[in-house]
């Protein structure tokens, strides 16, 4: 479905196109698709991982369960993978259906300072999807999207938790842009706000791309926001637009008056190498975001 194939022959043609010496065997593939047998070739799993652009090695693909596989593709490909869950006969992947191993997964509206010289002093609004990792995984499949120059750009990768915080490298899905590295302060339950630093390259500027480091903040969005998350990605002219944006997503910002303005002021502060960011800097913002998020439950 994700690859747009309507037959085993069409699927075999994709494997041959990617690697003329493929290990894909069309006769055996009928048993594979019916669940009566599994491929034994490690090379074939590597080929599968490459075709699906799963962001994981072939060994992971061979070992993961169906639910984890579908959740990873949803995080990696977004709308393009939206029909896989129902086609596989899986229930919707919602926190209410099972006890989560972590509270982190969810969808967030992402704010940061615009780095392009064409939009100097403006904020840029994107969206972030942090998915559940599979059993034994050390991180969470993550996808970030932004909209600029009339196009939508997406980066994906894995965010890992460690004693110092959350971090991970997200790579451009199209290959047209440089990678982005996220370093986030460890969130506390219920994970209403992820705050930290993004390091990457300016995508929209004259001449060669230059590196940047800037503060970012991701505010958890209700499930009902749906595709409004991606549709609302844009540059913001001023702080009041942040508050209206949160309202439009269904977040009751009146529970924490001044939150949007405080968040914007925090984002505008530069990243200083001689003064590392401390968790205490975002405590008030987290408290305000928690009150907003808990009012949605």
C-alpha atoms as a PDB file:
ATOM      1  CA  UNK A   1       0.000   0.000   0.000  1.00  0.00           C
ATOM      2  CA  UNK A   2       2.690   2.473   1.041  1.00  0.00           C
ATOM      3  CA  UNK A   3       4.745   1.646  -2.062  1.00  0.00           C
ATOM      4  CA  UNK A   4       1.715   1.881  -4.358  1.00  0.00           C
ATOM      5  CA  UNK A   5       1.882  -1.762  -5.494  1.00  0.00           C
ATOM      6  CA  UNK A   6      -1.268  -3.635  -6.459  1.00  0.00           C
ATOM      7  CA  UNK A   7       0.349  -7.017  -7.165  1.00  0.00           C
ATOM      8  CA  UNK A   8       3.328  -9.223  -6.297  1.00  0.00           C
ATOM      9  CA  UNK A   9       4.777  -8.516  -9.742  1.00  0.00           C
ATOM     10  CA  UNK A  10       4.694  -4.770  -9.149  1.00  0.00           C
ATOM     11  CA  UNK A  11       6.446  -5.259  -5.817  1.00  0.00           C
ATOM     12  CA  UNK A  12       9.081  -7.479  -7.408  1.00  0.00           C
ATOM     13  CA  UNK A  13       9.706  -4.808 -10.041  1.00  0.00           C
ATOM     14  CA  UNK A  14      10.462  -2.255  -7.304  1.00  0.00           C
ATOM     15  CA  UNK A  15      13.005  -4.586  -5.728  1.00  0.00           C
ATOM     16  CA  UNK A  16      14.673  -5.213  -9.106  1.00  0.00           C
ATOM     17  CA  UNK A  17      14.748  -1.500  -9.853  1.00  0.00           C
ATOM     18  CA  UNK A  18      16.481  -0.788  -6.552  1.00  0.00           C
ATOM     19  CA  UNK A  19      18.870  -3.751  -6.889  1.00  0.00           C
ATOM     20  CA  UNK A  20      19.055  -5.892 -10.033  1.00  0.00           C
ATOM     21  CA  UNK A  21      20.661  -8.607  -7.883  1.00  0.00           C
ATOM     22  CA  UNK A  22      17.804  -8.578  -5.364  1.00  0.00           C
ATOM     23  CA  UNK A  23      17.000 -11.587  -3.170  1.00  0.00           C
ATOM     24  CA  UNK A  24      13.267 -10.984  -3.648  1.00  0.00           C
ATOM     25  CA  UNK A  25      11.663 -14.157  -5.026  1.00  0.00           C
ATOM     26  CA  UNK A  26       8.196 -13.600  -6.465  1.00  0.00           C
ATOM     27  CA  UNK A  27       7.096 -17.244  -5.996  1.00  0.00           C
ATOM     28  CA  UNK A  28       8.072 -17.280  -2.323  1.00  0.00           C
ATOM     29  CA  UNK A  29       6.617 -13.832  -1.757  1.00  0.00           C
ATOM     30  CA  UNK A  30       3.075 -15.223  -1.885  1.00  0.00           C
ATOM     31  CA  UNK A  31       3.813 -17.325   1.214  1.00  0.00           C
ATOM     32  CA  UNK A  32       5.497 -14.340   2.897  1.00  0.00           C
ATOM     33  CA  UNK A  33       2.476 -12.114   2.365  1.00  0.00           C
ATOM     34  CA  UNK A  34       0.112 -14.855   3.602  1.00  0.00           C
ATOM     35  CA  UNK A  35       2.167 -15.310   6.766  1.00  0.00           C
ATOM     36  CA  UNK A  36       2.993 -18.940   5.984  1.00  0.00           C
ATOM     37  CA  UNK A  37       6.743 -18.310   5.815  1.00  0.00           C
ATOM     38  CA  UNK A  38       9.289 -15.553   6.437  1.00  0.00           C
ATOM     39  CA  UNK A  39      12.316 -14.541   4.357  1.00  0.00           C
ATOM     40  CA  UNK A  40      15.643 -15.944   5.527  1.00  0.00           C
ATOM     41  CA  UNK A  41      17.869 -13.553   3.607  1.00  0.00           C
ATOM     42  CA  UNK A  42      19.371 -10.716   5.694  1.00  0.00           C
ATOM     43  CA  UNK A  43      20.034  -8.872   2.431  1.00  0.00           C
ATOM     44  CA  UNK A  44      16.331  -8.970   1.593  1.00  0.00           C
ATOM     45  CA  UNK A  45      15.434  -7.264   4.878  1.00  0.00           C
ATOM     46  CA  UNK A  46      17.985  -4.557   4.132  1.00  0.00           C
ATOM     47  CA  UNK A  47      16.368  -4.094   0.724  1.00  0.00           C
ATOM     48  CA  UNK A  48      12.924  -3.887   2.356  1.00  0.00           C
ATOM     49  CA  UNK A  49      14.150  -1.276   4.849  1.00  0.00           C
ATOM     50  CA  UNK A  50      15.602   0.794   2.020  1.00  0.00           C
ATOM     51  CA  UNK A  51      12.459   0.684  -0.108  1.00  0.00           C
ATOM     52  CA  UNK A  52      10.218   1.599   2.811  1.00  0.00           C
ATOM     53  CA  UNK A  53      12.621   4.313   4.010  1.00  0.00           C
ATOM     54  CA  UNK A  54      11.901   3.030   7.510  1.00  0.00           C
ATOM     55  CA  UNK A  55      14.914   4.735   9.068  1.00  0.00           C
ATOM     56  CA  UNK A  56      15.987   1.471  10.685  1.00  0.00           C
ATOM     57  CA  UNK A  57      18.356  -1.367   9.648  1.00  0.00           C
ATOM     58  CA  UNK A  58      17.169  -4.611   8.128  1.00  0.00           C
ATOM     59  CA  UNK A  59      17.763  -6.492  11.374  1.00  0.00           C
ATOM     60  CA  UNK A  60      15.226  -4.308  13.155  1.00  0.00           C
ATOM     61  CA  UNK A  61      12.699  -4.941  10.386  1.00  0.00           C
ATOM     62  CA  UNK A  62      13.176  -8.710  10.700  1.00  0.00           C
ATOM     63  CA  UNK A  63      12.626  -8.700  14.468  1.00  0.00           C
ATOM     64  CA  UNK A  64       9.889  -6.105  15.102  1.00  0.00           C
ATOM     65  CA  UNK A  65       6.216  -6.961  15.587  1.00  0.00           C
ATOM     66  CA  UNK A  66       3.462  -5.739  13.269  1.00  0.00           C
ATOM     67  CA  UNK A  67       2.123  -3.035  15.602  1.00  0.00           C
ATOM     68  CA  UNK A  68       5.583  -1.527  16.095  1.00  0.00           C
ATOM     69  CA  UNK A  69       6.260  -1.711  12.357  1.00  0.00           C
ATOM     70  CA  UNK A  70       3.046   0.166  11.499  1.00  0.00           C
ATOM     71  CA  UNK A  71       3.595   2.780  14.229  1.00  0.00           C
ATOM     72  CA  UNK A  72       7.115   3.421  12.956  1.00  0.00           C
ATOM     73  CA  UNK A  73       5.912   3.885   9.373  1.00  0.00           C
ATOM     74  CA  UNK A  74       3.171   6.246  10.571  1.00  0.00           C
ATOM     75  CA  UNK A  75       5.768   8.379  12.347  1.00  0.00           C
ATOM     76  CA  UNK A  76       8.119   8.234   9.374  1.00  0.00           C
ATOM     77  CA  UNK A  77       5.672   8.854   6.515  1.00  0.00           C
ATOM     78  CA  UNK A  78       2.673  10.584   8.080  1.00  0.00           C
ATOM     79  CA  UNK A  79      -0.388  10.729   5.826  1.00  0.00           C
ATOM     80  CA  UNK A  80       1.157   8.363   3.277  1.00  0.00           C
ATOM     81  CA  UNK A  81       0.957   5.567   5.859  1.00  0.00           C
ATOM     82  CA  UNK A  82      -2.442   6.508   7.279  1.00  0.00           C
ATOM     83  CA  UNK A  83      -4.237   3.469   5.818  1.00  0.00           C
ATOM     84  CA  UNK A  84      -1.782   0.833   7.002  1.00  0.00           C
ATOM     85  CA  UNK A  85      -3.270   0.404  10.469  1.00  0.00           C
ATOM     86  CA  UNK A  86      -6.787  -0.432   9.260  1.00  0.00           C
ATOM     87  CA  UNK A  87      -5.424  -2.591   6.425  1.00  0.00           C
ATOM     88  CA  UNK A  88      -3.444  -4.619   8.972  1.00  0.00           C
ATOM     89  CA  UNK A  89      -6.488  -4.978  11.227  1.00  0.00           C
ATOM     90  CA  UNK A  90      -4.893  -3.031  14.095  1.00  0.00           C
ATOM     91  CA  UNK A  91      -6.769  -0.838  16.536  1.00  0.00           C
ATOM     92  CA  UNK A  92      -6.092   2.917  16.554  1.00  0.00           C
ATOM     93  CA  UNK A  93      -2.832   3.713  18.320  1.00  0.00           C
ATOM     94  CA  UNK A  94      -4.267   5.805  21.151  1.00  0.00           C
ATOM     95  CA  UNK A  95      -3.006   6.022  24.736  1.00  0.00           C
ATOM     96  CA  UNK A  96      -6.469   5.179  26.054  1.00  0.00           C
ATOM     97  CA  UNK A  97      -6.281   1.642  24.663  1.00  0.00           C
ATOM     98  CA  UNK A  98      -3.261   0.512  26.658  1.00  0.00           C
ATOM     99  CA  UNK A  99      -1.006   1.561  29.466  1.00  0.00           C
ATOM    100  CA  UNK A 100       1.953   3.351  27.863  1.00  0.00           C
ATOM    101  CA  UNK A 101       5.534   2.526  28.776  1.00  0.00           C
ATOM    102  CA  UNK A 102       6.231   6.262  28.714  1.00  0.00           C
ATOM    103  CA  UNK A 103       4.171   9.436  28.620  1.00  0.00           C
ATOM    104  CA  UNK A 104       6.358  11.099  25.969  1.00  0.00           C
ATOM    105  CA  UNK A 105       4.710   9.990  22.671  1.00  0.00           C
ATOM    106  CA  UNK A 106       2.277  12.436  21.158  1.00  0.00           C
ATOM    107  CA  UNK A 107       1.818  15.264  18.671  1.00  0.00           C
ATOM    108  CA  UNK A 108       3.125  18.727  19.407  1.00  0.00           C
ATOM    109  CA  UNK A 109       2.993  22.192  17.889  1.00  0.00           C
ATOM    110  CA  UNK A 110       6.581  23.373  17.574  1.00  0.00           C
ATOM    111  CA  UNK A 111       7.825  26.955  17.899  1.00  0.00           C
ATOM    112  CA  UNK A 112      11.240  28.509  17.356  1.00  0.00           C
ATOM    113  CA  UNK A 113      12.916  31.613  15.983  1.00  0.00           C
ATOM    114  CA  UNK A 114      13.021  31.933  12.200  1.00  0.00           C
ATOM    115  CA  UNK A 115      16.628  31.722  11.009  1.00  0.00           C
ATOM    116  CA  UNK A 116      16.109  32.827   7.417  1.00  0.00           C
ATOM    117  CA  UNK A 117      17.234  36.422   6.724  1.00  0.00           C
ATOM    118  CA  UNK A 118      14.001  36.858   4.757  1.00  0.00           C
ATOM    119  CA  UNK A 119      11.945  36.388   7.957  1.00  0.00           C
ATOM    120  CA  UNK A 120      14.198  37.999  10.526  1.00  0.00           C
ATOM    121  CA  UNK A 121      12.723  38.440  14.042  1.00  0.00           C
ATOM    122  CA  UNK A 122       9.700  36.261  13.258  1.00  0.00           C
ATOM    123  CA  UNK A 123       8.795  32.952  14.860  1.00  0.00           C
ATOM    124  CA  UNK A 124       8.434  29.791  12.793  1.00  0.00           C
ATOM    125  CA  UNK A 125       5.706  27.333  13.679  1.00  0.00           C
ATOM    126  CA  UNK A 126       5.998  23.643  12.809  1.00  0.00           C
ATOM    127  CA  UNK A 127       4.758  20.322  14.164  1.00  0.00           C
ATOM    128  CA  UNK A 128       6.448  17.391  15.876  1.00  0.00           C
ATOM    129  CA  UNK A 129       5.284  13.775  16.148  1.00  0.00           C
ATOM    130  CA  UNK A 130       6.961  11.570  18.750  1.00  0.00           C
ATOM    131  CA  UNK A 131       5.881   7.930  18.350  1.00  0.00           C
ATOM    132  CA  UNK A 132       6.077   4.972  20.708  1.00  0.00           C
ATOM    133  CA  UNK A 133       9.194   2.850  20.394  1.00  0.00           C
ATOM    134  CA  UNK A 134       9.008  -0.928  20.189  1.00  0.00           C
ATOM    135  CA  UNK A 135      10.023  -3.348  22.913  1.00  0.00           C
ATOM    136  CA  UNK A 136      13.761  -3.149  23.390  1.00  0.00           C
ATOM    137  CA  UNK A 137      14.080   0.120  21.452  1.00  0.00           C
ATOM    138  CA  UNK A 138      16.182   2.823  23.046  1.00  0.00           C
ATOM    139  CA  UNK A 139      14.285   5.727  21.527  1.00  0.00           C
ATOM    140  CA  UNK A 140      11.167   7.106  19.869  1.00  0.00           C
ATOM    141  CA  UNK A 141      10.657   7.482  16.106  1.00  0.00           C
ATOM    142  CA  UNK A 142      10.199  11.219  15.585  1.00  0.00           C
ATOM    143  CA  UNK A 143       9.072  13.391  12.679  1.00  0.00           C
ATOM    144  CA  UNK A 144       9.293  17.187  12.389  1.00  0.00           C
ATOM    145  CA  UNK A 145       7.657  19.323   9.691  1.00  0.00           C
ATOM    146  CA  UNK A 146       7.922  22.968   8.660  1.00  0.00           C
ATOM    147  CA  UNK A 147       6.460  25.017   5.824  1.00  0.00           C
ATOM    148  CA  UNK A 148       8.387  27.706   3.959  1.00  0.00           C
ATOM    149  CA  UNK A 149       8.868  28.967   0.409  1.00  0.00           C
ATOM    150  CA  UNK A 150       5.523  27.409  -0.562  1.00  0.00           C
ATOM    151  CA  UNK A 151       6.590  23.879   0.349  1.00  0.00           C
ATOM    152  CA  UNK A 152       6.485  21.523   3.304  1.00  0.00           C
ATOM    153  CA  UNK A 153       9.766  20.062   4.533  1.00  0.00           C
ATOM    154  CA  UNK A 154      10.049  17.047   6.833  1.00  0.00           C
ATOM    155  CA  UNK A 155      12.822  15.568   8.947  1.00  0.00           C
ATOM    156  CA  UNK A 156      12.694  12.220  10.742  1.00  0.00           C
ATOM    157  CA  UNK A 157      14.840  10.089  13.007  1.00  0.00           C
ATOM    158  CA  UNK A 158      14.943   8.742  16.564  1.00  0.00           C
ATOM    159  CA  UNK A 159      14.862  10.720  19.815  1.00  0.00           C
ATOM    160  CA  UNK A 160      16.535   8.919  22.715  1.00  0.00           C
ATOM    161  CA  UNK A 161      16.236   9.488  26.470  1.00  0.00           C
ATOM    162  CA  UNK A 162      19.310   9.443  28.692  1.00  0.00           C
ATOM    163  CA  UNK A 163      20.172  10.812  32.159  1.00  0.00           C
ATOM    164  CA  UNK A 164      20.944  14.290  30.793  1.00  0.00           C
ATOM    165  CA  UNK A 165      17.817  14.729  28.673  1.00  0.00           C
ATOM    166  CA  UNK A 166      16.411  13.823  25.244  1.00  0.00           C
ATOM    167  CA  UNK A 167      18.413  14.063  22.049  1.00  0.00           C
ATOM    168  CA  UNK A 168      18.528  12.858  18.492  1.00  0.00           C
ATOM    169  CA  UNK A 169      19.373  13.686  14.911  1.00  0.00           C
ATOM    170  CA  UNK A 170      16.554  14.160  12.410  1.00  0.00           C
ATOM    171  CA  UNK A 171      17.406  13.919   8.717  1.00  0.00           C
ATOM    172  CA  UNK A 172      15.664  15.503   5.757  1.00  0.00           C
ATOM    173  CA  UNK A 173      13.252  12.990   4.229  1.00  0.00           C
ATOM    174  CA  UNK A 174      13.798  14.429   0.746  1.00  0.00           C
ATOM    175  CA  UNK A 175      17.538  14.843   1.157  1.00  0.00           C
ATOM    176  CA  UNK A 176      17.180  18.487   0.110  1.00  0.00           C
ATOM    177  CA  UNK A 177      18.105  19.964   3.493  1.00  0.00           C
ATOM    178  CA  UNK A 178      20.716  19.474   6.163  1.00  0.00           C
ATOM    179  CA  UNK A 179      20.011  17.429   9.311  1.00  0.00           C
ATOM    180  CA  UNK A 180      18.664  18.919  12.526  1.00  0.00           C
ATOM    181  CA  UNK A 181      19.880  17.907  15.981  1.00  0.00           C
ATOM    182  CA  UNK A 182      17.519  18.296  18.956  1.00  0.00           C
ATOM    183  CA  UNK A 183      18.677  18.514  22.587  1.00  0.00           C
ATOM    184  CA  UNK A 184      15.724  18.732  24.983  1.00  0.00           C
ATOM    185  CA  UNK A 185      15.403  19.081  28.751  1.00  0.00           C
ATOM    186  CA  UNK A 186      13.962  15.904  30.287  1.00  0.00           C
ATOM    187  CA  UNK A 187      10.179  16.403  30.430  1.00  0.00           C
ATOM    188  CA  UNK A 188       8.073  15.613  33.488  1.00  0.00           C
ATOM    189  CA  UNK A 189       4.637  14.002  33.589  1.00  0.00           C
ATOM    190  CA  UNK A 190       2.332  14.741  31.716  1.00  0.00           C
ATOM    191  CA  UNK A 191       4.851  15.950  29.117  1.00  0.00           C
ATOM    192  CA  UNK A 192       2.889  19.036  28.127  1.00  0.00           C
ATOM    193  CA  UNK A 193       5.986  20.958  27.003  1.00  0.00           C
ATOM    194  CA  UNK A 194       9.296  19.907  25.429  1.00  0.00           C
ATOM    195  CA  UNK A 195      11.913  22.659  25.562  1.00  0.00           C
ATOM    196  CA  UNK A 196      15.509  22.820  24.479  1.00  0.00           C
ATOM    197  CA  UNK A 197      17.784  23.649  21.587  1.00  0.00           C
ATOM    198  CA  UNK A 198      17.806  22.845  17.867  1.00  0.00           C
ATOM    199  CA  UNK A 199      21.049  22.866  15.893  1.00  0.00           C
ATOM    200  CA  UNK A 200      21.004  22.732  12.115  1.00  0.00           C
ATOM    201  CA  UNK A 201      21.468  24.674   8.896  1.00  0.00           C
ATOM    202  CA  UNK A 202      19.419  27.596   7.585  1.00  0.00           C
ATOM    203  CA  UNK A 203      17.330  26.218   4.728  1.00  0.00           C
ATOM    204  CA  UNK A 204      16.049  29.448   3.155  1.00  0.00           C
ATOM    205  CA  UNK A 205      18.778  31.986   2.499  1.00  0.00           C
ATOM    206  CA  UNK A 206      20.933  33.287  -0.351  1.00  0.00           C
ATOM    207  CA  UNK A 207      24.182  31.437  -0.908  1.00  0.00           C
ATOM    208  CA  UNK A 208      25.416  28.445   1.059  1.00  0.00           C
ATOM    209  CA  UNK A 209      23.489  27.150   4.067  1.00  0.00           C
ATOM    210  CA  UNK A 210      24.911  28.365   7.363  1.00  0.00           C
ATOM    211  CA  UNK A 211      24.678  26.603  10.739  1.00  0.00           C
ATOM    212  CA  UNK A 212      22.501  27.878  13.578  1.00  0.00           C
ATOM    213  CA  UNK A 213      21.571  27.081  17.185  1.00  0.00           C
ATOM    214  CA  UNK A 214      18.228  28.276  18.582  1.00  0.00           C
ATOM    215  CA  UNK A 215      15.769  27.607  21.373  1.00  0.00           C
ATOM    216  CA  UNK A 216      12.691  25.538  20.558  1.00  0.00           C
ATOM    217  CA  UNK A 217       9.528  24.622  22.446  1.00  0.00           C
ATOM    218  CA  UNK A 218       6.945  21.960  21.592  1.00  0.00           C
ATOM    219  CA  UNK A 219       3.481  22.214  23.175  1.00  0.00           C
ATOM    220  CA  UNK A 220       1.426  19.015  23.315  1.00  0.00           C
ATOM    221  CA  UNK A 221      -1.668  19.209  21.116  1.00  0.00           C
ATOM    222  CA  UNK A 222      -5.006  17.399  21.569  1.00  0.00           C
ATOM    223  CA  UNK A 223      -5.708  14.453  19.290  1.00  0.00           C
ATOM    224  CA  UNK A 224      -8.713  16.377  17.949  1.00  0.00           C
ATOM    225  CA  UNK A 225      -6.338  18.911  16.371  1.00  0.00           C
ATOM    226  CA  UNK A 226      -5.682  16.346  13.633  1.00  0.00           C
ATOM    227  CA  UNK A 227      -4.257  17.717  10.418  1.00  0.00           C
ATOM    228  CA  UNK A 228      -4.660  21.285  11.675  1.00  0.00           C
ATOM    229  CA  UNK A 229      -1.200  20.746  13.093  1.00  0.00           C
ATOM    230  CA  UNK A 230       0.459  20.461   9.701  1.00  0.00           C
ATOM    231  CA  UNK A 231      -1.920  22.864   7.965  1.00  0.00           C
ATOM    232  CA  UNK A 232      -1.013  25.618  10.416  1.00  0.00           C
ATOM    233  CA  UNK A 233       2.742  25.467   9.836  1.00  0.00           C
ATOM    234  CA  UNK A 234       3.926  28.968   8.908  1.00  0.00           C
ATOM    235  CA  UNK A 235       5.853  32.051   9.989  1.00  0.00           C
ATOM    236  CA  UNK A 236       4.278  34.090  12.787  1.00  0.00           C
ATOM    237  CA  UNK A 237       4.511  37.863  12.779  1.00  0.00           C
ATOM    238  CA  UNK A 238       4.095  38.526  16.507  1.00  0.00           C
ATOM    239  CA  UNK A 239       3.463  36.947  19.910  1.00  0.00           C
ATOM    240  CA  UNK A 240      -0.368  37.293  19.872  1.00  0.00           C
ATOM    241  CA  UNK A 241      -0.443  34.857  16.952  1.00  0.00           C
ATOM    242  CA  UNK A 242       1.016  32.165  19.208  1.00  0.00           C
ATOM    243  CA  UNK A 243      -1.912  32.445  21.625  1.00  0.00           C
ATOM    244  CA  UNK A 244      -4.456  32.329  18.790  1.00  0.00           C
ATOM    245  CA  UNK A 245      -2.668  29.379  17.237  1.00  0.00           C
ATOM    246  CA  UNK A 246      -2.917  27.427  20.505  1.00  0.00           C
ATOM    247  CA  UNK A 247      -6.613  28.321  20.779  1.00  0.00           C
ATOM    248  CA  UNK A 248      -7.232  27.120  17.235  1.00  0.00           C
ATOM    249  CA  UNK A 249      -5.734  23.744  18.182  1.00  0.00           C
ATOM    250  CA  UNK A 250      -8.226  23.381  21.034  1.00  0.00           C
ATOM    251  CA  UNK A 251      -5.910  24.306  23.913  1.00  0.00           C
ATOM    252  CA  UNK A 252      -7.615  26.367  26.678  1.00  0.00           C
ATOM    253  CA  UNK A 253      -4.884  28.986  27.064  1.00  0.00           C
ATOM    254  CA  UNK A 254      -7.096  30.973  29.453  1.00  0.00           C
ATOM    255  CA  UNK A 255      -6.052  28.430  32.096  1.00  0.00           C
ATOM    256  CA  UNK A 256      -2.587  30.061  32.090  1.00  0.00           C
ATOM    257  CA  UNK A 257      -2.869  33.754  31.198  1.00  0.00           C
ATOM    258  CA  UNK A 258       0.286  35.141  29.607  1.00  0.00           C
ATOM    259  CA  UNK A 259       1.691  31.708  28.707  1.00  0.00           C
ATOM    260  CA  UNK A 260       2.005  32.407  24.960  1.00  0.00           C
ATOM    261  CA  UNK A 261       3.767  35.739  25.523  1.00  0.00           C
ATOM    262  CA  UNK A 262       6.146  34.221  28.108  1.00  0.00           C
ATOM    263  CA  UNK A 263       6.914  31.352  25.752  1.00  0.00           C
ATOM    264  CA  UNK A 264       7.704  33.706  22.869  1.00  0.00           C
ATOM    265  CA  UNK A 265       9.986  35.815  25.065  1.00  0.00           C
ATOM    266  CA  UNK A 266      11.848  32.703  26.169  1.00  0.00           C
ATOM    267  CA  UNK A 267      12.297  31.580  22.555  1.00  0.00           C
ATOM    268  CA  UNK A 268      13.775  34.938  21.562  1.00  0.00           C
ATOM    269  CA  UNK A 269      16.684  34.590  23.981  1.00  0.00           C
ATOM    270  CA  UNK A 270      19.907  33.549  22.190  1.00  0.00           C
ATOM    271  CA  UNK A 271      21.705  30.287  22.831  1.00  0.00           C
ATOM    272  CA  UNK A 272      24.891  31.101  24.754  1.00  0.00           C
ATOM    273  CA  UNK A 273      27.794  28.638  24.810  1.00  0.00           C
ATOM    274  CA  UNK A 274      29.112  30.151  28.030  1.00  0.00           C
ATOM    275  CA  UNK A 275      25.761  29.792  29.867  1.00  0.00           C
ATOM    276  CA  UNK A 276      24.205  26.345  29.442  1.00  0.00           C
ATOM    277  CA  UNK A 277      20.432  26.193  29.614  1.00  0.00           C
ATOM    278  CA  UNK A 278      19.166  25.055  33.029  1.00  0.00           C
ATOM    279  CA  UNK A 279      15.883  23.174  33.642  1.00  0.00           C
ATOM    280  CA  UNK A 280      14.936  25.889  36.147  1.00  0.00           C
ATOM    281  CA  UNK A 281      14.635  28.313  33.212  1.00  0.00           C
ATOM    282  CA  UNK A 282      11.591  26.481  31.886  1.00  0.00           C
ATOM    283  CA  UNK A 283       9.927  25.481  35.175  1.00  0.00           C
ATOM    284  CA  UNK A 284       7.341  28.273  35.021  1.00  0.00           C
ATOM    285  CA  UNK A 285       6.592  27.536  31.367  1.00  0.00           C
ATOM    286  CA  UNK A 286       6.121  23.834  32.103  1.00  0.00           C
ATOM    287  CA  UNK A 287       3.796  24.616  35.025  1.00  0.00           C
ATOM    288  CA  UNK A 288       1.666  26.870  32.799  1.00  0.00           C
ATOM    289  CA  UNK A 289       1.603  24.313  29.969  1.00  0.00           C
ATOM    290  CA  UNK A 290       0.597  21.572  32.412  1.00  0.00           C
ATOM    291  CA  UNK A 291      -2.438  23.573  33.570  1.00  0.00           C
ATOM    292  CA  UNK A 292      -3.491  24.082  29.963  1.00  0.00           C
ATOM    293  CA  UNK A 293      -3.015  20.423  29.002  1.00  0.00           C
ATOM    294  CA  UNK A 294      -4.714  18.966  32.092  1.00  0.00           C
ATOM    295  CA  UNK A 295      -7.787  21.089  31.352  1.00  0.00           C
ATOM    296  CA  UNK A 296      -8.203  19.154  28.066  1.00  0.00           C
ATOM    297  CA  UNK A 297      -8.426  15.742  29.752  1.00  0.00           C
END
